[in-house]
Amino acid sequence: MINGLSDHETQYLCVNNIFDWQAGNFRPVKKRLITKSAVSMFIELFKNESWDNIINHSDVNESFDLFLNISVIIFESCLRMQYVTNKVSNNHQITAGIKVSCKCKKYLYITSKTTNCSKIKVYYIQYCRFLRKVIRKAKEMCYNELLSSSTNKSKTSWNIINNEIGTASGKIFTETEFKLGSKIIGTNQSAKIFNNYFINSVDELITQQPNTASAMFSLTESFPYEFPQIINIPVTEAEVICAISSLKNKTSCGCDGLSNKILKLCSS
C-alpha cells in the first residue's frame, strides 16, 4: 500500500476473527475431552500392551519410570487436549436497569468533564455513590440466592470469593519491611535467608562430621534391637478396585497426568 508520505511502502495483514469474540462472546479454552470411546480405547490399549520389560526388570525405579512413560503415552494419544469455545458467562447480578444506569453514569462523567458547572459535578458524585450501593445490593441478593439453592455451599462460597478476588497475575504486591535492631530487612530477603539456612544446614553438618561411623554408633545406641524385615504382601485386583472406587471424582492430575476420574472410569 502506497501511503504517499514517504519513500517506504507499507504492508497490512488481514486476520479473520475465527472465534468471533465480539459477536458471539466466545473464547477458546484448552480442555481434555473425556468420552466413552476414548476411555474404551485407553482400556483396550492398556490391555494389549506387553508389560514384560517392566515386570522382569530388576530395578524398581527404572521399572516404574518405564510404566509411567508408557501410560502417559497411551493416555495422551487417547485423551488429547483440544481447544473448545466456551461462551463467557455474564454477570447475573447486573440487571437491565443497572446497565442503563451505567450508561447514564458514563454520560454524566463526560458532561462533568466538559463543563464548569459545580452542580453537575456534585450530582455525578452522588449518582456514583448511589449506583455503587445498588450494585453491591444486587450482588448480595444474587450470591444469597446462589448459596440458598446450592447443594455444596462451601464450593459455591469459594467460587464467589474467587470471582470477587479475581486472578492475582495483574496485581502488584509491595514488599513489606521490618526493623531488626539497626537493620531493615525485607520479607523476600528474610525468606531467602531462612530457606538457605535450612537447605544448607545438612551439607554443613556432613562436612563438619565426615565420619559416618559415629552416626551408625549413635543409631545402634538409640535402637539396640534388630530392625524388622519388610514383608511383601501380595496385592489383589479386588483391593486395587476398592481403593480406586474410594477416590473422589476429581479432574486434577498428579505427576503421572492421570486424574481420579480416569482411574474410576477405567476400573468400572
C-alpha atoms as a PDB file:
ATOM      1  CA  MET A   1       0.000   0.000   0.000  1.00  0.00           C
ATOM      2  CA  ILE A   2       1.462   3.367  -1.052  1.00  0.00           C
ATOM      3  CA  ASN A   3       0.852   5.990   1.614  1.00  0.00           C
ATOM      4  CA  GLY A   4       2.198   8.945  -0.396  1.00  0.00           C
ATOM      5  CA  LEU A   5       4.036  10.364   2.643  1.00  0.00           C
ATOM      6  CA  SER A   6       7.485   8.775   2.337  1.00  0.00           C
ATOM      7  CA  ASP A   7       9.593   6.604   0.087  1.00  0.00           C
ATOM      8  CA  HIS A   8       8.738   3.466   2.112  1.00  0.00           C
ATOM      9  CA  GLU A   9       5.696   1.399   1.233  1.00  0.00           C
ATOM     10  CA  THR A  10       3.591  -0.136   3.987  1.00  0.00           C
ATOM     11  CA  GLN A  11       2.057  -3.580   4.187  1.00  0.00           C
ATOM     12  CA  TYR A  12      -1.034  -4.668   6.056  1.00  0.00           C
ATOM     13  CA  LEU A  13      -2.228  -8.101   7.085  1.00  0.00           C
ATOM     14  CA  CYS A  14      -5.897  -9.089   7.476  1.00  0.00           C
ATOM     15  CA  VAL A  15      -6.566 -11.827  10.048  1.00  0.00           C
ATOM     16  CA  ASN A  16     -10.069 -13.225  10.230  1.00  0.00           C
ATOM     17  CA  ASN A  17     -11.608 -13.496  13.670  1.00  0.00           C
ATOM     18  CA  ILE A  18     -12.078 -17.246  13.873  1.00  0.00           C
ATOM     19  CA  PHE A  19     -13.838 -17.383  17.235  1.00  0.00           C
ATOM     20  CA  ASP A  20     -15.855 -14.174  16.768  1.00  0.00           C
ATOM     21  CA  TRP A  21     -15.227 -12.737  20.230  1.00  0.00           C
ATOM     22  CA  GLN A  22     -17.232  -9.599  19.659  1.00  0.00           C
ATOM     23  CA  ALA A  23     -20.390 -11.000  18.099  1.00  0.00           C
ATOM     24  CA  GLY A  24     -20.783 -14.357  19.821  1.00  0.00           C
ATOM     25  CA  ASN A  25     -18.883 -13.544  23.014  1.00  0.00           C
ATOM     26  CA  PHE A  26     -16.856 -16.763  22.722  1.00  0.00           C
ATOM     27  CA  ARG A  27     -13.313 -17.535  23.855  1.00  0.00           C
ATOM     28  CA  PRO A  28     -11.151 -20.625  23.173  1.00  0.00           C
ATOM     29  CA  VAL A  29     -10.325 -22.854  26.126  1.00  0.00           C
ATOM     30  CA  LYS A  30      -7.963 -25.815  26.155  1.00  0.00           C
ATOM     31  CA  LYS A  31      -9.685 -28.835  27.710  1.00  0.00           C
ATOM     32  CA  ARG A  32      -9.252 -32.584  27.823  1.00  0.00           C
ATOM     33  CA  LEU A  33     -12.411 -34.089  26.365  1.00  0.00           C
ATOM     34  CA  ILE A  34     -13.314 -37.379  28.062  1.00  0.00           C
ATOM     35  CA  THR A  35     -15.693 -39.539  26.047  1.00  0.00           C
ATOM     36  CA  LYS A  36     -16.779 -43.186  26.306  1.00  0.00           C
ATOM     37  CA  SER A  37     -14.990 -44.110  23.086  1.00  0.00           C
ATOM     38  CA  ALA A  38     -11.746 -42.515  24.271  1.00  0.00           C
ATOM     39  CA  VAL A  39     -11.916 -44.307  27.635  1.00  0.00           C
ATOM     40  CA  SER A  40     -12.651 -47.671  25.957  1.00  0.00           C
ATOM     41  CA  MET A  41      -9.691 -47.124  23.608  1.00  0.00           C
ATOM     42  CA  PHE A  42      -7.485 -46.275  26.584  1.00  0.00           C
ATOM     43  CA  ILE A  43      -8.508 -49.506  28.362  1.00  0.00           C
ATOM     44  CA  GLU A  44      -8.019 -51.577  25.212  1.00  0.00           C
ATOM     45  CA  LEU A  45      -4.508 -50.236  24.600  1.00  0.00           C
ATOM     46  CA  PHE A  46      -3.629 -50.841  28.235  1.00  0.00           C
ATOM     47  CA  LYS A  47      -4.785 -54.461  27.963  1.00  0.00           C
ATOM     48  CA  ASN A  48      -2.926 -55.122  24.712  1.00  0.00           C
ATOM     49  CA  GLU A  49       0.318 -53.536  25.905  1.00  0.00           C
ATOM     50  CA  SER A  50       3.114 -56.019  26.724  1.00  0.00           C
ATOM     51  CA  TRP A  51       4.462 -55.324  30.203  1.00  0.00           C
ATOM     52  CA  ASP A  52       7.205 -57.984  30.178  1.00  0.00           C
ATOM     53  CA  ASN A  53      10.069 -55.491  30.287  1.00  0.00           C
ATOM     54  CA  ILE A  54       8.553 -53.794  33.302  1.00  0.00           C
ATOM     55  CA  ILE A  55       7.729 -56.978  35.235  1.00  0.00           C
ATOM     56  CA  ASN A  56      11.087 -58.656  34.601  1.00  0.00           C
ATOM     57  CA  HIS A  57      13.086 -55.515  35.400  1.00  0.00           C
ATOM     58  CA  SER A  58      15.286 -55.755  38.484  1.00  0.00           C
ATOM     59  CA  ASP A  59      15.383 -52.054  39.401  1.00  0.00           C
ATOM     60  CA  VAL A  60      12.130 -50.787  40.878  1.00  0.00           C
ATOM     61  CA  ASN A  61      12.720 -47.143  39.955  1.00  0.00           C
ATOM     62  CA  GLU A  62      13.519 -47.902  36.322  1.00  0.00           C
ATOM     63  CA  SER A  63      10.515 -50.224  36.010  1.00  0.00           C
ATOM     64  CA  PHE A  64       8.252 -47.528  37.439  1.00  0.00           C
ATOM     65  CA  ASP A  65       9.683 -44.961  35.019  1.00  0.00           C
ATOM     66  CA  LEU A  66       9.034 -47.306  32.099  1.00  0.00           C
ATOM     67  CA  PHE A  67       5.475 -47.934  33.280  1.00  0.00           C
ATOM     68  CA  LEU A  68       4.874 -44.196  33.732  1.00  0.00           C
ATOM     69  CA  ASN A  69       6.225 -43.338  30.276  1.00  0.00           C
ATOM     70  CA  ILE A  70       4.091 -45.974  28.557  1.00  0.00           C
ATOM     71  CA  SER A  71       0.954 -44.999  30.467  1.00  0.00           C
ATOM     72  CA  VAL A  72       1.436 -41.300  29.721  1.00  0.00           C
ATOM     73  CA  ILE A  73       1.951 -42.010  26.007  1.00  0.00           C
ATOM     74  CA  ILE A  74      -1.238 -44.087  25.859  1.00  0.00           C
ATOM     75  CA  PHE A  75      -3.140 -41.511  27.890  1.00  0.00           C
ATOM     76  CA  GLU A  76      -2.069 -38.589  25.714  1.00  0.00           C
ATOM     77  CA  SER A  77      -2.797 -40.483  22.499  1.00  0.00           C
ATOM     78  CA  CYS A  78      -6.336 -41.445  23.562  1.00  0.00           C
ATOM     79  CA  LEU A  79      -7.433 -38.431  25.605  1.00  0.00           C
ATOM     80  CA  ARG A  80      -5.957 -35.431  23.845  1.00  0.00           C
ATOM     81  CA  MET A  81      -6.170 -31.784  24.794  1.00  0.00           C
ATOM     82  CA  GLN A  82      -8.446 -29.856  22.435  1.00  0.00           C
ATOM     83  CA  TYR A  83      -9.446 -26.247  22.036  1.00  0.00           C
ATOM     84  CA  VAL A  84     -13.150 -25.694  22.593  1.00  0.00           C
ATOM     85  CA  THR A  85     -15.138 -22.475  22.531  1.00  0.00           C
ATOM     86  CA  ASN A  86     -16.911 -21.677  25.759  1.00  0.00           C
ATOM     87  CA  LYS A  87     -19.339 -18.841  25.978  1.00  0.00           C
ATOM     88  CA  VAL A  88     -18.340 -16.290  28.569  1.00  0.00           C
ATOM     89  CA  SER A  89     -20.872 -16.312  31.391  1.00  0.00           C
ATOM     90  CA  ASN A  90     -22.496 -12.974  32.025  1.00  0.00           C
ATOM     91  CA  ASN A  91     -22.901 -11.482  35.466  1.00  0.00           C
ATOM     92  CA  HIS A  92     -26.347 -12.419  36.692  1.00  0.00           C
ATOM     93  CA  GLN A  93     -26.403  -9.594  39.220  1.00  0.00           C
ATOM     94  CA  ILE A  94     -26.065  -6.942  36.505  1.00  0.00           C
ATOM     95  CA  THR A  95     -29.667  -6.341  35.535  1.00  0.00           C
ATOM     96  CA  ALA A  96     -31.015  -4.279  32.636  1.00  0.00           C
ATOM     97  CA  GLY A  97     -31.710  -1.367  34.969  1.00  0.00           C
ATOM     98  CA  ILE A  98     -28.123  -1.353  36.246  1.00  0.00           C
ATOM     99  CA  LYS A  99     -26.825  -1.380  32.647  1.00  0.00           C
ATOM    100  CA  VAL A 100     -28.983   1.668  31.847  1.00  0.00           C
ATOM    101  CA  SER A 101     -27.699   3.383  34.999  1.00  0.00           C
ATOM    102  CA  CYS A 102     -24.089   2.654  33.987  1.00  0.00           C
ATOM    103  CA  LYS A 103     -24.703   4.259  30.590  1.00  0.00           C
ATOM    104  CA  CYS A 104     -26.195   7.264  32.333  1.00  0.00           C
ATOM    105  CA  LYS A 105     -23.175   7.398  34.634  1.00  0.00           C
ATOM    106  CA  LYS A 106     -20.853   7.453  31.618  1.00  0.00           C
ATOM    107  CA  TYR A 107     -22.858  10.310  30.100  1.00  0.00           C
ATOM    108  CA  LEU A 108     -22.700  12.248  33.377  1.00  0.00           C
ATOM    109  CA  TYR A 109     -18.938  11.655  33.580  1.00  0.00           C
ATOM    110  CA  ILE A 110     -18.370  13.109  30.105  1.00  0.00           C
ATOM    111  CA  THR A 111     -20.652  16.020  30.885  1.00  0.00           C
ATOM    112  CA  SER A 112     -18.920  16.775  34.188  1.00  0.00           C
ATOM    113  CA  LYS A 113     -15.519  16.820  32.464  1.00  0.00           C
ATOM    114  CA  THR A 114     -16.634  19.145  29.684  1.00  0.00           C
ATOM    115  CA  THR A 115     -18.472  21.694  31.826  1.00  0.00           C
ATOM    116  CA  ASN A 116     -17.577  24.021  34.665  1.00  0.00           C
ATOM    117  CA  CYS A 117     -20.924  23.688  36.437  1.00  0.00           C
ATOM    118  CA  SER A 118     -20.347  22.612  40.048  1.00  0.00           C
ATOM    119  CA  LYS A 119     -23.902  21.265  40.455  1.00  0.00           C
ATOM    120  CA  ILE A 120     -23.380  18.697  37.675  1.00  0.00           C
ATOM    121  CA  LYS A 121     -20.137  17.506  39.277  1.00  0.00           C
ATOM    122  CA  VAL A 122     -21.790  17.167  42.682  1.00  0.00           C
ATOM    123  CA  TYR A 123     -24.723  15.318  41.108  1.00  0.00           C
ATOM    124  CA  TYR A 124     -22.291  12.967  39.324  1.00  0.00           C
ATOM    125  CA  ILE A 125     -20.533  12.109  42.611  1.00  0.00           C
ATOM    126  CA  GLN A 126     -23.856  11.430  44.355  1.00  0.00           C
ATOM    127  CA  TYR A 127     -25.053   9.343  41.393  1.00  0.00           C
ATOM    128  CA  CYS A 128     -21.877   7.209  41.507  1.00  0.00           C
ATOM    129  CA  ARG A 129     -22.263   6.675  45.245  1.00  0.00           C
ATOM    130  CA  PHE A 130     -25.896   5.607  44.881  1.00  0.00           C
ATOM    131  CA  LEU A 131     -25.136   3.322  41.915  1.00  0.00           C
ATOM    132  CA  ARG A 132     -22.328   1.677  43.872  1.00  0.00           C
ATOM    133  CA  LYS A 133     -24.749   0.821  46.680  1.00  0.00           C
ATOM    134  CA  VAL A 134     -27.273  -0.582  44.194  1.00  0.00           C
ATOM    135  CA  ILE A 135     -24.645  -2.855  42.576  1.00  0.00           C
ATOM    136  CA  ARG A 136     -23.463  -4.109  45.970  1.00  0.00           C
ATOM    137  CA  LYS A 137     -27.036  -4.881  46.996  1.00  0.00           C
ATOM    138  CA  ALA A 138     -27.675  -6.683  43.690  1.00  0.00           C
ATOM    139  CA  LYS A 139     -24.529  -8.780  44.200  1.00  0.00           C
ATOM    140  CA  GLU A 140     -25.583  -9.593  47.756  1.00  0.00           C
ATOM    141  CA  MET A 141     -29.038 -10.751  46.620  1.00  0.00           C
ATOM    142  CA  CYS A 142     -27.565 -12.799  43.752  1.00  0.00           C
ATOM    143  CA  TYR A 143     -24.976 -14.510  45.967  1.00  0.00           C
ATOM    144  CA  ASN A 144     -27.553 -15.249  48.666  1.00  0.00           C
ATOM    145  CA  GLU A 145     -29.762 -16.888  46.049  1.00  0.00           C
ATOM    146  CA  LEU A 146     -26.815 -18.983  44.794  1.00  0.00           C
ATOM    147  CA  LEU A 147     -25.939 -20.111  48.319  1.00  0.00           C
ATOM    148  CA  SER A 148     -29.528 -20.972  49.241  1.00  0.00           C
ATOM    149  CA  SER A 149     -30.062 -23.071  46.090  1.00  0.00           C
ATOM    150  CA  SER A 150     -26.632 -24.756  46.160  1.00  0.00           C
ATOM    151  CA  THR A 151     -26.081 -28.312  47.397  1.00  0.00           C
ATOM    152  CA  ASN A 152     -22.363 -27.743  48.054  1.00  0.00           C
ATOM    153  CA  LYS A 153     -22.266 -24.442  49.925  1.00  0.00           C
ATOM    154  CA  SER A 154     -18.524 -24.488  50.629  1.00  0.00           C
ATOM    155  CA  LYS A 155     -17.658 -24.878  46.940  1.00  0.00           C
ATOM    156  CA  THR A 156     -20.141 -22.177  45.971  1.00  0.00           C
ATOM    157  CA  SER A 157     -18.697 -19.854  48.614  1.00  0.00           C
ATOM    158  CA  TRP A 158     -15.176 -20.331  47.273  1.00  0.00           C
ATOM    159  CA  ASN A 159     -16.392 -19.744  43.710  1.00  0.00           C
ATOM    160  CA  ILE A 160     -17.930 -16.461  44.853  1.00  0.00           C
ATOM    161  CA  ILE A 161     -14.715 -15.476  46.657  1.00  0.00           C
ATOM    162  CA  ASN A 162     -12.546 -16.306  43.629  1.00  0.00           C
ATOM    163  CA  ASN A 163     -14.927 -14.398  41.381  1.00  0.00           C
ATOM    164  CA  GLU A 164     -14.663 -11.317  43.566  1.00  0.00           C
ATOM    165  CA  ILE A 165     -10.905 -11.523  44.097  1.00  0.00           C
ATOM    166  CA  GLY A 166     -10.025 -12.402  40.507  1.00  0.00           C
ATOM    167  CA  THR A 167      -6.639 -13.568  39.292  1.00  0.00           C
ATOM    168  CA  ALA A 168      -3.550 -12.382  41.108  1.00  0.00           C
ATOM    169  CA  SER A 169      -1.455 -12.064  37.946  1.00  0.00           C
ATOM    170  CA  GLY A 170      -2.380  -8.420  37.383  1.00  0.00           C
ATOM    171  CA  LYS A 171      -1.942  -7.380  40.995  1.00  0.00           C
ATOM    172  CA  ILE A 172       1.199  -5.626  42.213  1.00  0.00           C
ATOM    173  CA  PHE A 173       2.389  -6.677  45.667  1.00  0.00           C
ATOM    174  CA  THR A 174       4.643  -4.293  47.532  1.00  0.00           C
ATOM    175  CA  GLU A 175       7.321  -5.863  49.674  1.00  0.00           C
ATOM    176  CA  THR A 176       6.936  -5.171  53.387  1.00  0.00           C
ATOM    177  CA  GLU A 177       9.921  -4.431  55.574  1.00  0.00           C
ATOM    178  CA  PHE A 178      10.576  -4.903  59.276  1.00  0.00           C
ATOM    179  CA  LYS A 179      13.257  -3.479  61.535  1.00  0.00           C
ATOM    180  CA  LEU A 180      15.593  -5.883  63.354  1.00  0.00           C
ATOM    181  CA  GLY A 181      17.721  -3.779  65.652  1.00  0.00           C
ATOM    182  CA  SER A 182      19.538  -1.320  63.420  1.00  0.00           C
ATOM    183  CA  LYS A 183      18.951  -3.350  60.249  1.00  0.00           C
ATOM    184  CA  ILE A 184      15.958  -3.095  57.898  1.00  0.00           C
ATOM    185  CA  ILE A 185      15.197  -6.438  56.229  1.00  0.00           C
ATOM    186  CA  GLY A 186      12.589  -7.127  53.568  1.00  0.00           C
ATOM    187  CA  THR A 187      10.289 -10.111  53.709  1.00  0.00           C
ATOM    188  CA  ASN A 188      11.665 -11.639  50.491  1.00  0.00           C
ATOM    189  CA  GLN A 189      15.236 -11.297  51.700  1.00  0.00           C
ATOM    190  CA  SER A 190      14.439 -12.815  55.091  1.00  0.00           C
ATOM    191  CA  ALA A 191      12.590 -15.724  53.443  1.00  0.00           C
ATOM    192  CA  LYS A 192      15.609 -16.464  51.204  1.00  0.00           C
ATOM    193  CA  ILE A 193      17.970 -16.395  54.192  1.00  0.00           C
ATOM    194  CA  PHE A 194      15.641 -18.676  56.153  1.00  0.00           C
ATOM    195  CA  ASN A 195      15.366 -21.187  53.294  1.00  0.00           C
ATOM    196  CA  ASN A 196      19.094 -21.181  52.539  1.00  0.00           C
ATOM    197  CA  TYR A 197      19.899 -21.855  56.185  1.00  0.00           C
ATOM    198  CA  PHE A 198      17.766 -24.993  56.396  1.00  0.00           C
ATOM    199  CA  ILE A 199      18.702 -26.187  52.887  1.00  0.00           C
ATOM    200  CA  ASN A 200      22.460 -25.932  53.502  1.00  0.00           C
ATOM    201  CA  SER A 201      22.438 -26.955  57.176  1.00  0.00           C
ATOM    202  CA  VAL A 202      22.579 -30.698  56.352  1.00  0.00           C
ATOM    203  CA  ASP A 203      25.542 -30.282  53.998  1.00  0.00           C
ATOM    204  CA  GLU A 204      27.358 -28.194  56.573  1.00  0.00           C
ATOM    205  CA  LEU A 205      26.815 -30.850  59.257  1.00  0.00           C
ATOM    206  CA  ILE A 206      28.104 -33.561  56.915  1.00  0.00           C
ATOM    207  CA  THR A 207      31.235 -31.560  56.101  1.00  0.00           C
ATOM    208  CA  GLN A 208      31.844 -30.897  59.800  1.00  0.00           C
ATOM    209  CA  GLN A 209      31.446 -34.593  60.690  1.00  0.00           C
ATOM    210  CA  PRO A 210      32.517 -36.665  57.678  1.00  0.00           C
ATOM    211  CA  ASN A 211      32.941 -39.847  59.760  1.00  0.00           C
ATOM    212  CA  THR A 212      29.812 -41.969  59.337  1.00  0.00           C
ATOM    213  CA  ALA A 213      30.883 -44.485  61.980  1.00  0.00           C
ATOM    214  CA  SER A 214      29.791 -42.121  64.746  1.00  0.00           C
ATOM    215  CA  ALA A 215      26.351 -41.815  63.143  1.00  0.00           C
ATOM    216  CA  MET A 216      25.957 -45.606  62.993  1.00  0.00           C
ATOM    217  CA  PHE A 217      27.152 -45.859  66.580  1.00  0.00           C
ATOM    218  CA  SER A 218      24.584 -43.328  67.780  1.00  0.00           C
ATOM    219  CA  LEU A 219      21.889 -45.133  65.790  1.00  0.00           C
ATOM    220  CA  THR A 220      22.687 -48.519  67.313  1.00  0.00           C
ATOM    221  CA  GLU A 221      22.866 -46.968  70.781  1.00  0.00           C
ATOM    222  CA  SER A 222      19.430 -45.363  70.415  1.00  0.00           C
ATOM    223  CA  PHE A 223      17.873 -48.512  68.875  1.00  0.00           C
ATOM    224  CA  PRO A 224      19.739 -51.663  70.066  1.00  0.00           C
ATOM    225  CA  TYR A 225      17.127 -54.109  68.763  1.00  0.00           C
ATOM    226  CA  GLU A 226      17.094 -55.764  65.352  1.00  0.00           C
ATOM    227  CA  PHE A 227      15.286 -53.960  62.607  1.00  0.00           C
ATOM    228  CA  PRO A 228      12.127 -55.788  61.457  1.00  0.00           C
ATOM    229  CA  GLN A 229      12.145 -57.185  57.962  1.00  0.00           C
ATOM    230  CA  ILE A 230       9.831 -55.738  55.324  1.00  0.00           C
ATOM    231  CA  ILE A 231       7.286 -58.337  54.273  1.00  0.00           C
ATOM    232  CA  ASN A 232       5.985 -58.120  50.730  1.00  0.00           C
ATOM    233  CA  ILE A 233       2.246 -58.647  50.950  1.00  0.00           C
ATOM    234  CA  PRO A 234       0.635 -59.504  47.585  1.00  0.00           C
ATOM    235  CA  VAL A 235      -1.998 -57.047  46.416  1.00  0.00           C
ATOM    236  CA  THR A 236      -5.137 -58.460  44.816  1.00  0.00           C
ATOM    237  CA  GLU A 237      -7.143 -56.932  41.979  1.00  0.00           C
ATOM    238  CA  ALA A 238     -10.192 -56.536  44.232  1.00  0.00           C
ATOM    239  CA  GLU A 239      -8.181 -54.429  46.679  1.00  0.00           C
ATOM    240  CA  VAL A 240      -6.978 -52.157  43.869  1.00  0.00           C
ATOM    241  CA  ILE A 241     -10.536 -51.715  42.531  1.00  0.00           C
ATOM    242  CA  CYS A 242     -11.796 -50.993  46.063  1.00  0.00           C
ATOM    243  CA  ALA A 243      -9.058 -48.379  46.570  1.00  0.00           C
ATOM    244  CA  ILE A 244      -9.848 -46.727  43.234  1.00  0.00           C
ATOM    245  CA  SER A 245     -13.597 -46.656  43.927  1.00  0.00           C
ATOM    246  CA  SER A 246     -12.964 -44.864  47.231  1.00  0.00           C
ATOM    247  CA  LEU A 247     -11.263 -41.954  45.440  1.00  0.00           C
ATOM    248  CA  LYS A 248     -13.072 -38.671  44.934  1.00  0.00           C
ATOM    249  CA  ASN A 249     -14.274 -37.627  41.484  1.00  0.00           C
ATOM    250  CA  LYS A 250     -11.600 -35.015  40.841  1.00  0.00           C
ATOM    251  CA  THR A 251     -10.264 -33.929  37.470  1.00  0.00           C
ATOM    252  CA  SER A 252      -6.959 -32.590  38.788  1.00  0.00           C
ATOM    253  CA  CYS A 253      -3.912 -34.669  37.840  1.00  0.00           C
ATOM    254  CA  GLY A 254      -0.752 -35.594  39.674  1.00  0.00           C
ATOM    255  CA  CYS A 255       2.762 -36.112  38.333  1.00  0.00           C
ATOM    256  CA  ASP A 256       1.588 -39.069  36.218  1.00  0.00           C
ATOM    257  CA  GLY A 257      -1.047 -36.949  34.427  1.00  0.00           C
ATOM    258  CA  LEU A 258      -3.909 -39.337  35.310  1.00  0.00           C
ATOM    259  CA  SER A 259      -6.878 -37.960  37.220  1.00  0.00           C
ATOM    260  CA  ASN A 260      -9.121 -39.831  39.652  1.00  0.00           C
ATOM    261  CA  LYS A 261     -11.971 -39.591  37.169  1.00  0.00           C
ATOM    262  CA  ILE A 262      -9.993 -41.508  34.534  1.00  0.00           C
ATOM    263  CA  LEU A 263      -8.981 -44.193  37.045  1.00  0.00           C
ATOM    264  CA  LYS A 264     -12.553 -44.691  38.222  1.00  0.00           C
ATOM    265  CA  LEU A 265     -13.854 -44.900  34.651  1.00  0.00           C
ATOM    266  CA  CYS A 266     -11.200 -47.483  33.776  1.00  0.00           C
ATOM    267  CA  SER A 267     -11.844 -49.589  36.891  1.00  0.00           C
ATOM    268  CA  SER A 268     -15.562 -49.808  36.158  1.00  0.00           C
END
